[in-house]
Amino acid sequence: MKLSDQVAIVTGGAHGIGLGVATRLAADGAAVVIADIDAAGAEAAASQITSSGGRALALSCDVSDATQVDALMARTLEAFGRLDVVVNNAALVHHPESNCHFLELSEDAWQRALDVNLTGTFLCSQRAARIMVRQVVEGVSTGGNIINISSGGGSRAHRQLFNYDTTKGGIEAATRAMALDLAPWNIRVNTIVPGNVTVENMIGGGALGADAAKDTIPLGHPGSPADIGAAAAYLASDDARYVTGQRLFVDGGMDIQLRSPGVDTQADTDRLNELVSPRGGVDG
């Protein structure tokens, strides 16, 4: 229970990666506030955690609205008395107006992506950091954690996701800048970069389905929300006490590869399998 004395906010925590993060932080002992624009989903997620013996509170929040973010912070302090971790997971990802060619992207769709993905990260991070700094000054805590959720699109490009990739690149730049500004109070800021993750409404592997994973992911399968939750739990814990301003890739090796595994022929795979088998004469 490495996080037993911690209070964490997870934005977009009702579903998918956010729920995986919230569930893991609660399992490690943290009291978790699930902030989501889907109020019913947040309530269901909080109920799921509490029924398993964890501590959770559901709050409705549009992270692009400063008034709602301020209320989120106030309600968290009212309920739990402190704030130690914020996971900025809420994001506009796949939206009919956003999934389009750059030449067709409307100004409204562009602005909405900025409002949710970048302004939301700014508002939640700044308001949380002010609380964390005050806690350090008052001797209530020795620091804090801000964990941002990025994407492979932060450093590489998806086709027809211009605004999403742009905002994720901004989040990674913001992570570095916040890490420097907040280091004097031992507030660590890091980014998790998920790869292809299977969530409720999307099968890992994209439009081609989960079977396509073996052709694009070195480890041969999509990730899960629990994989991202494990990374968040590490970054929030004292095990990562000397880690700040970093990107942690949790992507099955997607970012490191020059070419996809599908380029390698089955004959090569069979030959190498034979080489390392007992019949091939190679000892361990």
C-alpha atoms as a PDB file:
ATOM      1  CA  MET A   1       0.000   0.000   0.000  1.00  0.00           C
ATOM      2  CA  LYS A   2       2.618   2.514  -1.123  1.00  0.00           C
ATOM      3  CA  LEU A   3       0.041   5.294  -1.568  1.00  0.00           C
ATOM      4  CA  SER A   4      -1.931   4.785   1.648  1.00  0.00           C
ATOM      5  CA  ASP A   5      -1.525   8.387   2.798  1.00  0.00           C
ATOM      6  CA  GLN A   6      -2.153   9.944  -0.622  1.00  0.00           C
ATOM      7  CA  VAL A   7      -5.135  11.685  -2.210  1.00  0.00           C
ATOM      8  CA  ALA A   8      -5.314  11.598  -6.002  1.00  0.00           C
ATOM      9  CA  ILE A   9      -7.486  13.209  -8.650  1.00  0.00           C
ATOM     10  CA  VAL A  10      -7.844  11.347 -11.950  1.00  0.00           C
ATOM     11  CA  THR A  11      -9.518  13.362 -14.694  1.00  0.00           C
ATOM     12  CA  GLY A  12     -11.420  11.392 -17.288  1.00  0.00           C
ATOM     13  CA  GLY A  13     -11.414   8.618 -14.712  1.00  0.00           C
ATOM     14  CA  ALA A  14     -14.771   7.047 -15.517  1.00  0.00           C
ATOM     15  CA  HIS A  15     -13.628   4.921 -18.422  1.00  0.00           C
ATOM     16  CA  GLY A  16     -10.680   3.391 -20.241  1.00  0.00           C
ATOM     17  CA  ILE A  17      -7.183   4.420 -19.247  1.00  0.00           C
ATOM     18  CA  GLY A  18      -8.487   6.814 -16.598  1.00  0.00           C
ATOM     19  CA  LEU A  19     -10.436   4.049 -14.884  1.00  0.00           C
ATOM     20  CA  GLY A  20      -7.414   1.760 -15.047  1.00  0.00           C
ATOM     21  CA  VAL A  21      -5.301   4.437 -13.367  1.00  0.00           C
ATOM     22  CA  ALA A  22      -7.907   5.228 -10.714  1.00  0.00           C
ATOM     23  CA  THR A  23      -8.408   1.552  -9.901  1.00  0.00           C
ATOM     24  CA  ARG A  24      -4.677   0.930  -9.477  1.00  0.00           C
ATOM     25  CA  LEU A  25      -4.062   4.025  -7.337  1.00  0.00           C
ATOM     26  CA  ALA A  26      -6.946   3.007  -5.089  1.00  0.00           C
ATOM     27  CA  ALA A  27      -5.621  -0.558  -4.874  1.00  0.00           C
ATOM     28  CA  ASP A  28      -2.300   0.890  -3.716  1.00  0.00           C
ATOM     29  CA  GLY A  29      -4.083   2.765  -0.933  1.00  0.00           C
ATOM     30  CA  ALA A  30      -4.813   6.221  -2.320  1.00  0.00           C
ATOM     31  CA  ALA A  31      -8.131   7.981  -1.879  1.00  0.00           C
ATOM     32  CA  VAL A  32      -9.169   8.686  -5.466  1.00  0.00           C
ATOM     33  CA  VAL A  33     -11.365  11.446  -6.835  1.00  0.00           C
ATOM     34  CA  ILE A  34     -12.784  10.443 -10.197  1.00  0.00           C
ATOM     35  CA  ALA A  35     -13.447  13.634 -12.150  1.00  0.00           C
ATOM     36  CA  ASP A  36     -15.299  13.158 -15.400  1.00  0.00           C
ATOM     37  CA  ILE A  37     -17.732  15.028 -17.597  1.00  0.00           C
ATOM     38  CA  ASP A  38     -19.750  11.793 -17.566  1.00  0.00           C
ATOM     39  CA  ALA A  39     -21.244  12.086 -14.089  1.00  0.00           C
ATOM     40  CA  ALA A  40     -23.035   8.728 -14.198  1.00  0.00           C
ATOM     41  CA  GLY A  41     -19.876   6.990 -15.393  1.00  0.00           C
ATOM     42  CA  ALA A  42     -17.860   8.601 -12.610  1.00  0.00           C
ATOM     43  CA  GLU A  43     -20.370   7.399 -10.025  1.00  0.00           C
ATOM     44  CA  ALA A  44     -20.226   3.860 -11.401  1.00  0.00           C
ATOM     45  CA  ALA A  45     -16.419   3.882 -11.348  1.00  0.00           C
ATOM     46  CA  ALA A  46     -16.314   5.187  -7.771  1.00  0.00           C
ATOM     47  CA  SER A  47     -18.825   2.528  -6.717  1.00  0.00           C
ATOM     48  CA  GLN A  48     -16.668  -0.145  -8.337  1.00  0.00           C
ATOM     49  CA  ILE A  49     -13.658   0.998  -6.326  1.00  0.00           C
ATOM     50  CA  THR A  50     -15.471   1.337  -3.006  1.00  0.00           C
ATOM     51  CA  SER A  51     -17.115  -2.056  -3.402  1.00  0.00           C
ATOM     52  CA  SER A  52     -13.601  -3.499  -3.620  1.00  0.00           C
ATOM     53  CA  GLY A  53     -12.613  -1.853  -0.357  1.00  0.00           C
ATOM     54  CA  GLY A  54     -11.036   1.308  -1.773  1.00  0.00           C
ATOM     55  CA  ARG A  55     -11.781   4.975  -1.154  1.00  0.00           C
ATOM     56  CA  ALA A  56     -13.273   6.957  -4.026  1.00  0.00           C
ATOM     57  CA  LEU A  57     -15.374  10.037  -4.723  1.00  0.00           C
ATOM     58  CA  ALA A  58     -17.068  10.852  -8.019  1.00  0.00           C
ATOM     59  CA  LEU A  59     -17.249  14.463  -9.173  1.00  0.00           C
ATOM     60  CA  SER A  60     -18.600  15.888 -12.419  1.00  0.00           C
ATOM     61  CA  CYS A  61     -16.099  18.207 -14.094  1.00  0.00           C
ATOM     62  CA  ASP A  62     -15.376  19.709 -17.492  1.00  0.00           C
ATOM     63  CA  VAL A  63     -11.639  20.329 -17.242  1.00  0.00           C
ATOM     64  CA  SER A  64     -11.797  23.119 -19.822  1.00  0.00           C
ATOM     65  CA  ASP A  65     -13.963  25.205 -17.457  1.00  0.00           C
ATOM     66  CA  ALA A  66     -11.940  27.056 -14.804  1.00  0.00           C
ATOM     67  CA  THR A  67     -14.926  27.415 -12.486  1.00  0.00           C
ATOM     68  CA  GLN A  68     -15.562  23.678 -12.531  1.00  0.00           C
ATOM     69  CA  VAL A  69     -11.874  22.909 -11.971  1.00  0.00           C
ATOM     70  CA  ASP A  70     -11.789  25.251  -8.976  1.00  0.00           C
ATOM     71  CA  ALA A  71     -14.856  23.472  -7.585  1.00  0.00           C
ATOM     72  CA  LEU A  72     -13.153  20.113  -8.153  1.00  0.00           C
ATOM     73  CA  MET A  73     -10.167  21.174  -6.073  1.00  0.00           C
ATOM     74  CA  ALA A  74     -12.348  22.624  -3.323  1.00  0.00           C
ATOM     75  CA  ARG A  75     -14.521  19.497  -3.090  1.00  0.00           C
ATOM     76  CA  THR A  76     -11.437  17.284  -2.959  1.00  0.00           C
ATOM     77  CA  LEU A  77     -10.002  19.230  -0.030  1.00  0.00           C
ATOM     78  CA  GLU A  78     -13.384  19.244   1.680  1.00  0.00           C
ATOM     79  CA  ALA A  79     -13.668  15.471   1.370  1.00  0.00           C
ATOM     80  CA  PHE A  80     -10.100  14.385   2.089  1.00  0.00           C
ATOM     81  CA  GLY A  81      -8.240  17.384   3.508  1.00  0.00           C
ATOM     82  CA  ARG A  82      -5.276  17.275   1.139  1.00  0.00           C
ATOM     83  CA  LEU A  83      -4.146  16.651  -2.434  1.00  0.00           C
ATOM     84  CA  ASP A  84      -1.019  14.748  -3.438  1.00  0.00           C
ATOM     85  CA  VAL A  85      -1.460  13.459  -6.991  1.00  0.00           C
ATOM     86  CA  VAL A  86      -3.190  14.707 -10.127  1.00  0.00           C
ATOM     87  CA  VAL A  87      -3.414  12.548 -13.232  1.00  0.00           C
ATOM     88  CA  ASN A  88      -4.361  14.623 -16.275  1.00  0.00           C
ATOM     89  CA  ASN A  89      -6.033  11.972 -18.379  1.00  0.00           C
ATOM     90  CA  ALA A  90      -9.161  13.732 -19.686  1.00  0.00           C
ATOM     91  CA  ALA A  91      -8.803  14.392 -23.412  1.00  0.00           C
ATOM     92  CA  LEU A  92     -10.716  14.782 -26.623  1.00  0.00           C
ATOM     93  CA  VAL A  93      -9.444  11.915 -28.758  1.00  0.00           C
ATOM     94  CA  HIS A  94     -11.715  10.485 -31.425  1.00  0.00           C
ATOM     95  CA  HIS A  95     -14.403  12.951 -32.418  1.00  0.00           C
ATOM     96  CA  PRO A  96     -16.254  13.169 -35.755  1.00  0.00           C
ATOM     97  CA  GLU A  97     -15.184  16.775 -36.292  1.00  0.00           C
ATOM     98  CA  SER A  98     -11.576  16.116 -35.282  1.00  0.00           C
ATOM     99  CA  ASN A  99     -10.836  12.935 -37.211  1.00  0.00           C
ATOM    100  CA  CYS A 100     -10.323  14.587 -40.540  1.00  0.00           C
ATOM    101  CA  HIS A 101      -7.656  15.795 -42.927  1.00  0.00           C
ATOM    102  CA  PHE A 102      -5.758  18.928 -41.921  1.00  0.00           C
ATOM    103  CA  LEU A 103      -7.248  20.783 -44.908  1.00  0.00           C
ATOM    104  CA  GLU A 104     -10.755  20.033 -43.662  1.00  0.00           C
ATOM    105  CA  LEU A 105     -10.309  20.765 -39.954  1.00  0.00           C
ATOM    106  CA  SER A 106     -12.677  23.462 -38.674  1.00  0.00           C
ATOM    107  CA  GLU A 107     -11.637  26.215 -36.309  1.00  0.00           C
ATOM    108  CA  ASP A 108     -14.269  25.085 -33.819  1.00  0.00           C
ATOM    109  CA  ALA A 109     -12.880  21.534 -33.701  1.00  0.00           C
ATOM    110  CA  TRP A 110      -9.348  22.893 -33.361  1.00  0.00           C
ATOM    111  CA  GLN A 111     -10.356  25.172 -30.490  1.00  0.00           C
ATOM    112  CA  ARG A 112     -12.236  22.437 -28.665  1.00  0.00           C
ATOM    113  CA  ALA A 113      -9.158  20.197 -28.729  1.00  0.00           C
ATOM    114  CA  LEU A 114      -7.052  23.022 -27.313  1.00  0.00           C
ATOM    115  CA  ASP A 115      -9.644  23.758 -24.631  1.00  0.00           C
ATOM    116  CA  VAL A 116      -9.906  20.179 -23.351  1.00  0.00           C
ATOM    117  CA  ASN A 117      -6.454  18.734 -23.952  1.00  0.00           C
ATOM    118  CA  LEU A 118      -4.197  21.721 -23.267  1.00  0.00           C
ATOM    119  CA  THR A 119      -6.207  24.236 -21.272  1.00  0.00           C
ATOM    120  CA  GLY A 120      -7.644  21.416 -19.175  1.00  0.00           C
ATOM    121  CA  THR A 121      -4.147  20.194 -18.362  1.00  0.00           C
ATOM    122  CA  PHE A 122      -3.060  23.740 -17.509  1.00  0.00           C
ATOM    123  CA  LEU A 123      -6.031  24.471 -15.250  1.00  0.00           C
ATOM    124  CA  CYS A 124      -5.899  21.206 -13.318  1.00  0.00           C
ATOM    125  CA  SER A 125      -2.118  21.300 -12.972  1.00  0.00           C
ATOM    126  CA  GLN A 126      -1.885  24.914 -11.856  1.00  0.00           C
ATOM    127  CA  ARG A 127      -4.722  24.711  -9.341  1.00  0.00           C
ATOM    128  CA  ALA A 128      -3.384  21.440  -7.940  1.00  0.00           C
ATOM    129  CA  ALA A 129       0.193  22.748  -7.791  1.00  0.00           C
ATOM    130  CA  ARG A 130      -0.898  25.781  -5.780  1.00  0.00           C
ATOM    131  CA  ILE A 131      -2.434  23.433  -3.205  1.00  0.00           C
ATOM    132  CA  MET A 132       0.645  21.209  -3.187  1.00  0.00           C
ATOM    133  CA  VAL A 133       2.998  24.179  -2.706  1.00  0.00           C
ATOM    134  CA  ARG A 134       0.902  25.429   0.203  1.00  0.00           C
ATOM    135  CA  GLN A 135       0.986  21.981   1.799  1.00  0.00           C
ATOM    136  CA  VAL A 136       4.780  21.894   1.545  1.00  0.00           C
ATOM    137  CA  VAL A 137       5.152  25.397   2.986  1.00  0.00           C
ATOM    138  CA  GLU A 138       2.823  24.494   5.861  1.00  0.00           C
ATOM    139  CA  GLY A 139       4.616  21.206   6.503  1.00  0.00           C
ATOM    140  CA  VAL A 140       1.583  19.098   5.599  1.00  0.00           C
ATOM    141  CA  SER A 141       3.478  17.214   2.896  1.00  0.00           C
ATOM    142  CA  THR A 142       6.946  16.927   1.395  1.00  0.00           C
ATOM    143  CA  GLY A 143       5.933  17.321  -2.247  1.00  0.00           C
ATOM    144  CA  GLY A 144       3.429  16.219  -4.846  1.00  0.00           C
ATOM    145  CA  ASN A 145       2.938  14.579  -8.212  1.00  0.00           C
ATOM    146  CA  ILE A 146       1.429  15.660 -11.499  1.00  0.00           C
ATOM    147  CA  ILE A 147       1.161  12.898 -14.081  1.00  0.00           C
ATOM    148  CA  ASN A 148       0.144  13.769 -17.629  1.00  0.00           C
ATOM    149  CA  ILE A 149      -1.122  11.260 -20.172  1.00  0.00           C
ATOM    150  CA  SER A 150       0.339  11.812 -23.620  1.00  0.00           C
ATOM    151  CA  SER A 151       0.379   9.650 -26.750  1.00  0.00           C
ATOM    152  CA  GLY A 152       2.725   8.423 -29.424  1.00  0.00           C
ATOM    153  CA  GLY A 153       1.222  11.334 -31.344  1.00  0.00           C
ATOM    154  CA  GLY A 154       3.172  13.687 -29.115  1.00  0.00           C
ATOM    155  CA  SER A 155       6.376  12.868 -30.969  1.00  0.00           C
ATOM    156  CA  ARG A 156       5.131  11.122 -34.125  1.00  0.00           C
ATOM    157  CA  ALA A 157       2.158  11.781 -36.352  1.00  0.00           C
ATOM    158  CA  HIS A 158      -1.176  10.099 -36.851  1.00  0.00           C
ATOM    159  CA  ARG A 159      -2.871  10.663 -40.157  1.00  0.00           C
ATOM    160  CA  GLN A 160      -5.893  12.930 -39.891  1.00  0.00           C
ATOM    161  CA  LEU A 161      -5.424  13.698 -36.193  1.00  0.00           C
ATOM    162  CA  PHE A 162      -3.650  17.046 -36.491  1.00  0.00           C
ATOM    163  CA  ASN A 163      -5.232  18.733 -33.489  1.00  0.00           C
ATOM    164  CA  TYR A 164      -4.868  15.693 -31.208  1.00  0.00           C
ATOM    165  CA  ASP A 165      -1.181  15.235 -32.031  1.00  0.00           C
ATOM    166  CA  THR A 166      -0.523  18.962 -31.646  1.00  0.00           C
ATOM    167  CA  THR A 167      -2.044  19.041 -28.172  1.00  0.00           C
ATOM    168  CA  LYS A 168      -0.178  15.928 -27.050  1.00  0.00           C
ATOM    169  CA  GLY A 169       3.098  17.486 -28.158  1.00  0.00           C
ATOM    170  CA  GLY A 170       2.127  20.534 -26.133  1.00  0.00           C
ATOM    171  CA  ILE A 171       1.448  18.396 -23.088  1.00  0.00           C
ATOM    172  CA  GLU A 172       4.935  16.907 -23.290  1.00  0.00           C
ATOM    173  CA  ALA A 173       6.492  20.382 -23.529  1.00  0.00           C
ATOM    174  CA  ALA A 174       4.326  21.528 -20.619  1.00  0.00           C
ATOM    175  CA  THR A 175       5.525  18.573 -18.561  1.00  0.00           C
ATOM    176  CA  ARG A 176       9.144  19.650 -18.915  1.00  0.00           C
ATOM    177  CA  ALA A 177       8.395  23.298 -18.128  1.00  0.00           C
ATOM    178  CA  MET A 178       6.234  22.487 -15.093  1.00  0.00           C
ATOM    179  CA  ALA A 179       8.848  20.054 -13.789  1.00  0.00           C
ATOM    180  CA  LEU A 180      11.440  22.826 -13.689  1.00  0.00           C
ATOM    181  CA  ASP A 181       9.170  25.448 -12.152  1.00  0.00           C
ATOM    182  CA  LEU A 182       7.814  23.118  -9.444  1.00  0.00           C
ATOM    183  CA  ALA A 183      11.011  21.280  -8.523  1.00  0.00           C
ATOM    184  CA  PRO A 184      11.870  23.648  -5.611  1.00  0.00           C
ATOM    185  CA  TRP A 185       8.817  22.281  -3.749  1.00  0.00           C
ATOM    186  CA  ASN A 186       9.574  18.649  -4.675  1.00  0.00           C
ATOM    187  CA  ILE A 187       6.530  18.514  -6.920  1.00  0.00           C
ATOM    188  CA  ARG A 188       7.387  16.032  -9.626  1.00  0.00           C
ATOM    189  CA  VAL A 189       5.821  16.235 -13.096  1.00  0.00           C
ATOM    190  CA  ASN A 190       6.030  13.359 -15.571  1.00  0.00           C
ATOM    191  CA  THR A 191       4.268  12.048 -18.650  1.00  0.00           C
ATOM    192  CA  ILE A 192       3.094   8.560 -19.475  1.00  0.00           C
ATOM    193  CA  VAL A 193       3.041   7.747 -23.187  1.00  0.00           C
ATOM    194  CA  PRO A 194       0.620   4.871 -23.802  1.00  0.00           C
ATOM    195  CA  GLY A 195       0.784   2.810 -26.942  1.00  0.00           C
ATOM    196  CA  ASN A 196      -2.060   0.837 -28.459  1.00  0.00           C
ATOM    197  CA  VAL A 197      -4.411   0.175 -25.539  1.00  0.00           C
ATOM    198  CA  THR A 198      -7.622  -1.809 -25.586  1.00  0.00           C
ATOM    199  CA  VAL A 199     -10.453   0.109 -23.901  1.00  0.00           C
ATOM    200  CA  GLU A 200     -14.217  -0.320 -23.760  1.00  0.00           C
ATOM    201  CA  ASN A 201     -15.076   1.352 -27.026  1.00  0.00           C
ATOM    202  CA  MET A 202     -11.943   0.621 -29.024  1.00  0.00           C
ATOM    203  CA  ILE A 203     -10.072  -2.597 -29.686  1.00  0.00           C
ATOM    204  CA  GLY A 204      -6.297  -2.344 -29.504  1.00  0.00           C
ATOM    205  CA  GLY A 205      -5.049  -2.638 -33.066  1.00  0.00           C
ATOM    206  CA  GLY A 206      -7.279   0.121 -34.419  1.00  0.00           C
ATOM    207  CA  ALA A 207      -9.560  -0.376 -37.377  1.00  0.00           C
ATOM    208  CA  LEU A 208      -7.867  -3.658 -38.299  1.00  0.00           C
ATOM    209  CA  GLY A 209      -8.635  -5.189 -34.907  1.00  0.00           C
ATOM    210  CA  ALA A 210      -6.555  -6.803 -32.200  1.00  0.00           C
ATOM    211  CA  ASP A 211      -4.993  -9.328 -34.598  1.00  0.00           C
ATOM    212  CA  ALA A 212      -3.167  -6.461 -36.303  1.00  0.00           C
ATOM    213  CA  ALA A 213      -1.174  -5.870 -33.115  1.00  0.00           C
ATOM    214  CA  LYS A 214       1.290  -8.631 -33.918  1.00  0.00           C
ATOM    215  CA  ASP A 215       2.187  -6.769 -37.106  1.00  0.00           C
ATOM    216  CA  THR A 216       2.753  -3.395 -35.442  1.00  0.00           C
ATOM    217  CA  ILE A 217       3.771  -3.962 -31.808  1.00  0.00           C
ATOM    218  CA  PRO A 218       7.071  -5.654 -30.936  1.00  0.00           C
ATOM    219  CA  LEU A 219       5.599  -7.436 -27.920  1.00  0.00           C
ATOM    220  CA  GLY A 220       2.798  -8.680 -30.161  1.00  0.00           C
ATOM    221  CA  HIS A 221      -0.318  -7.530 -28.320  1.00  0.00           C
ATOM    222  CA  PRO A 222      -2.154  -4.351 -27.276  1.00  0.00           C
ATOM    223  CA  GLY A 223      -1.771  -2.930 -23.811  1.00  0.00           C
ATOM    224  CA  SER A 224      -4.493  -2.548 -21.204  1.00  0.00           C
ATOM    225  CA  PRO A 225      -5.626   0.278 -18.901  1.00  0.00           C
ATOM    226  CA  ALA A 226      -4.061  -1.710 -16.047  1.00  0.00           C
ATOM    227  CA  ASP A 227      -0.657  -1.359 -17.725  1.00  0.00           C
ATOM    228  CA  ILE A 228      -0.993   2.417 -17.673  1.00  0.00           C
ATOM    229  CA  GLY A 229      -2.285   2.273 -14.107  1.00  0.00           C
ATOM    230  CA  ALA A 230       0.850   0.424 -13.031  1.00  0.00           C
ATOM    231  CA  ALA A 231       3.033   3.128 -14.561  1.00  0.00           C
ATOM    232  CA  ALA A 232       1.038   5.858 -12.821  1.00  0.00           C
ATOM    233  CA  ALA A 233       1.316   4.054  -9.490  1.00  0.00           C
ATOM    234  CA  TYR A 234       5.092   3.894  -9.917  1.00  0.00           C
ATOM    235  CA  LEU A 235       5.414   7.592 -10.751  1.00  0.00           C
ATOM    236  CA  ALA A 236       3.179   8.567  -7.837  1.00  0.00           C
ATOM    237  CA  SER A 237       5.194   6.519  -5.361  1.00  0.00           C
ATOM    238  CA  ASP A 238       8.470   7.167  -3.577  1.00  0.00           C
ATOM    239  CA  ASP A 239      10.055   4.584  -5.871  1.00  0.00           C
ATOM    240  CA  ALA A 240      10.138   7.407  -8.435  1.00  0.00           C
ATOM    241  CA  ARG A 241      11.205  10.103  -5.985  1.00  0.00           C
ATOM    242  CA  TYR A 242      14.142  11.162  -8.206  1.00  0.00           C
ATOM    243  CA  VAL A 243      12.204  11.135 -11.487  1.00  0.00           C
ATOM    244  CA  THR A 244      10.774  14.351 -12.919  1.00  0.00           C
ATOM    245  CA  GLY A 245      10.256  15.923 -16.328  1.00  0.00           C
ATOM    246  CA  GLN A 246      10.365  12.529 -18.026  1.00  0.00           C
ATOM    247  CA  ARG A 247       8.339  10.562 -20.562  1.00  0.00           C
ATOM    248  CA  LEU A 248       7.603   6.966 -19.610  1.00  0.00           C
ATOM    249  CA  PHE A 249       6.654   4.923 -22.677  1.00  0.00           C
ATOM    250  CA  VAL A 250       4.230   2.080 -21.977  1.00  0.00           C
ATOM    251  CA  ASP A 251       3.735   0.905 -25.547  1.00  0.00           C
ATOM    252  CA  GLY A 252       5.032  -2.633 -26.014  1.00  0.00           C
ATOM    253  CA  GLY A 253       8.061  -1.260 -27.855  1.00  0.00           C
ATOM    254  CA  MET A 254       6.237   0.695 -30.550  1.00  0.00           C
ATOM    255  CA  ASP A 255       8.301   3.857 -30.206  1.00  0.00           C
ATOM    256  CA  ILE A 256      11.691   2.167 -30.409  1.00  0.00           C
ATOM    257  CA  GLN A 257      11.174   0.277 -33.651  1.00  0.00           C
ATOM    258  CA  LEU A 258      12.384   1.436 -37.047  1.00  0.00           C
ATOM    259  CA  ARG A 259      10.131  -0.964 -38.921  1.00  0.00           C
ATOM    260  CA  SER A 260       7.108  -2.954 -37.819  1.00  0.00           C
ATOM    261  CA  PRO A 261       7.466  -6.655 -36.953  1.00  0.00           C
ATOM    262  CA  GLY A 262       5.357  -7.534 -39.999  1.00  0.00           C
ATOM    263  CA  VAL A 263       8.260  -6.564 -42.247  1.00  0.00           C
ATOM    264  CA  ASP A 264      10.266  -9.482 -40.878  1.00  0.00           C
ATOM    265  CA  THR A 265       9.421 -12.682 -42.707  1.00  0.00           C
ATOM    266  CA  GLN A 266       8.012 -15.777 -41.068  1.00  0.00           C
ATOM    267  CA  ALA A 267      10.967 -17.658 -42.490  1.00  0.00           C
ATOM    268  CA  ASP A 268      13.337 -15.519 -40.422  1.00  0.00           C
ATOM    269  CA  THR A 269      11.276 -16.166 -37.318  1.00  0.00           C
ATOM    270  CA  ASP A 270      11.209 -19.901 -37.936  1.00  0.00           C
ATOM    271  CA  ARG A 271      14.965 -19.973 -38.562  1.00  0.00           C
ATOM    272  CA  LEU A 272      15.725 -18.137 -35.313  1.00  0.00           C
ATOM    273  CA  ASN A 273      13.337 -20.325 -33.358  1.00  0.00           C
ATOM    274  CA  GLU A 274      15.212 -23.356 -34.649  1.00  0.00           C
ATOM    275  CA  LEU A 275      18.548 -21.773 -33.776  1.00  0.00           C
ATOM    276  CA  VAL A 276      17.744 -21.375 -30.096  1.00  0.00           C
ATOM    277  CA  SER A 277      15.940 -24.679 -29.717  1.00  0.00           C
ATOM    278  CA  PRO A 278      17.687 -27.685 -28.152  1.00  0.00           C
ATOM    279  CA  ARG A 279      17.822 -29.284 -31.590  1.00  0.00           C
ATOM    280  CA  GLY A 280      19.732 -26.295 -32.901  1.00  0.00           C
ATOM    281  CA  GLY A 281      22.624 -26.999 -30.618  1.00  0.00           C
ATOM    282  CA  VAL A 282      22.667 -23.584 -28.885  1.00  0.00           C
ATOM    283  CA  ASP A 283      23.004 -23.688 -25.117  1.00  0.00           C
ATOM    284  CA  GLY A 284      21.487 -21.002 -22.900  1.00  0.00           C
END
